[in-house]
Amino acid sequence: VQLQASGGGLVQPGGSLRLSCAASGFTFRLATLDWYRQAPGNQRELVATVTSGGSTNYAESAKGRFTISRDNAKNTVYLQMNSLKPEDTAVYYCHMGTYWGKGTLVTVSS
């Protein structure tokens, strides 16, 4: 199983980023996938989940600003992040089952 996250970077407060996670090594269309994040000094926390049927769930901090989606044809899960705040600064990780991808750093700063 491989989960390769990308799309992080430096963005100003109020800006947007789209993270991508390219997956391989399992039956993607049957999997529930998540995005987690970990800020310096904090525990890793769940940000958003998408099930195989397309149902989604979000942390309170992400509701109304973030959107998780999946493209089963491309074996890719996305996290669209809008109205970013400095407190969104973290390493973002793609997760499936017991597998974690390498994170991608998101820095929100002016």
Protein backbone atom coordinates (compact mmCIF):
# COMPACT_ATOMS: atom_id res chain seq x y z
CA VAL A 1 0.00 0.00 0.00
CA GLN A 2 1.24 3.45 -0.92
CA LEU A 3 -0.34 6.78 -0.10
CA GLN A 4 1.43 9.77 -1.60
CA ALA A 5 0.22 13.17 -0.44
CA SER A 6 1.04 16.37 -2.28
CA GLY A 7 -0.14 19.93 -2.69
CA GLY A 8 1.05 21.53 0.52
CA GLY A 9 2.80 24.84 0.65
CA LEU A 10 2.78 28.35 2.01
CA VAL A 11 -0.46 30.30 1.72
CA GLN A 12 -1.72 33.55 3.18
CA PRO A 13 -4.62 33.60 5.63
CA GLY A 14 -7.87 33.44 3.72
CA GLY A 15 -6.27 31.55 0.87
CA SER A 16 -6.92 28.10 -0.54
CA LEU A 17 -5.00 24.92 -1.21
CA ARG A 18 -5.95 21.55 -2.63
CA LEU A 19 -4.19 18.51 -1.30
CA SER A 20 -4.06 15.29 -3.28
CA CYS A 21 -3.30 11.75 -2.18
CA ALA A 22 -2.48 9.22 -4.86
CA ALA A 23 -3.09 5.68 -3.66
CA SER A 24 -2.03 2.26 -4.83
CA GLY A 25 -1.77 -1.31 -3.62
CA PHE A 26 -5.35 -1.85 -2.57
CA THR A 27 -8.88 -1.72 -3.98
CA PHE A 28 -9.30 2.01 -3.79
CA ARG A 29 -13.01 2.15 -4.59
CA LEU A 30 -13.84 -0.02 -1.57
CA ALA A 31 -11.79 1.93 0.94
CA THR A 32 -12.64 4.61 3.45
CA LEU A 33 -10.01 7.33 3.31
CA ASP A 34 -9.13 10.10 5.71
CA TRP A 35 -7.07 13.21 6.01
CA TYR A 36 -5.38 13.86 9.34
CA ARG A 37 -3.16 16.69 10.42
CA GLN A 38 -0.55 17.27 13.08
CA ALA A 39 0.56 20.70 14.18
CA PRO A 40 3.83 21.20 16.08
CA GLY A 41 3.42 20.08 19.68
CA ASN A 42 -0.05 18.67 19.05
CA GLN A 43 -1.46 15.20 18.59
CA ARG A 44 -2.47 14.03 15.17
CA GLU A 45 -6.15 14.80 14.58
CA LEU A 46 -8.75 13.65 12.10
CA VAL A 47 -9.75 16.35 9.63
CA ALA A 48 -12.09 14.63 7.16
CA THR A 49 -13.28 11.21 6.03
CA VAL A 50 -14.84 9.90 2.83
CA THR A 51 -16.35 6.43 2.66
CA SER A 52 -16.48 4.09 -0.30
CA GLY A 53 -20.03 5.27 -0.91
CA GLY A 54 -19.00 8.90 -0.93
CA SER A 55 -20.32 9.88 2.49
CA THR A 56 -18.21 12.49 4.20
CA ASN A 57 -17.51 13.60 7.74
CA TYR A 58 -15.54 16.56 9.04
CA ALA A 59 -13.94 17.80 12.19
CA GLU A 60 -15.70 20.84 13.59
CA SER A 61 -12.69 22.96 12.69
CA ALA A 62 -13.01 21.93 9.04
CA LYS A 63 -16.75 22.17 8.53
CA GLY A 64 -17.77 24.77 6.00
CA ARG A 65 -14.20 25.39 4.85
CA PHE A 66 -12.77 22.04 3.78
CA THR A 67 -14.13 19.52 1.28
CA ILE A 68 -12.93 15.95 0.95
CA SER A 69 -13.58 14.15 -2.31
CA ARG A 70 -12.41 11.11 -4.21
CA ASP A 71 -11.83 10.10 -7.80
CA ASN A 72 -12.00 6.33 -8.03
CA ALA A 73 -10.84 6.40 -11.64
CA LYS A 74 -7.63 8.09 -10.58
CA ASN A 75 -7.22 6.34 -7.20
CA THR A 76 -6.91 9.76 -5.64
CA VAL A 77 -8.47 11.50 -2.68
CA TYR A 78 -8.49 15.28 -2.37
CA LEU A 79 -8.83 17.85 0.36
CA GLN A 80 -9.92 21.27 -0.83
CA MET A 81 -9.14 23.80 1.88
CA ASN A 82 -10.60 27.30 1.69
CA SER A 83 -10.54 30.27 4.04
CA LEU A 84 -7.35 28.98 5.57
CA LYS A 85 -6.32 30.21 8.99
CA PRO A 86 -2.92 30.23 10.72
CA GLU A 87 -4.20 27.50 13.04
CA ASP A 88 -4.57 25.22 10.01
CA THR A 89 -0.79 25.11 9.79
CA ALA A 90 0.21 21.46 10.12
CA VAL A 91 1.54 18.44 8.33
CA TYR A 92 -1.39 16.79 6.58
CA TYR A 93 -1.49 13.02 6.21
CA CYS A 94 -3.51 10.68 4.05
CA HIS A 95 -4.74 7.57 5.88
CA MET A 96 -6.42 4.27 4.99
CA GLY A 97 -6.94 1.46 7.46
CA THR A 98 -3.60 0.96 9.19
CA TYR A 99 -1.63 2.76 6.52
CA TRP A 100 -0.29 6.29 6.56
CA GLY A 101 1.23 8.30 3.78
CA LYS A 102 4.10 10.71 4.21
CA GLY A 103 2.69 14.07 5.09
CA THR A 104 2.60 17.31 3.19
CA LEU A 105 3.26 20.55 5.03
CA VAL A 106 0.70 23.34 4.95
CA THR A 107 1.80 26.69 6.33
CA VAL A 108 -0.71 29.51 6.64
CA SER A 109 1.07 32.76 7.29
CA SER A 110 1.27 36.32 6.06
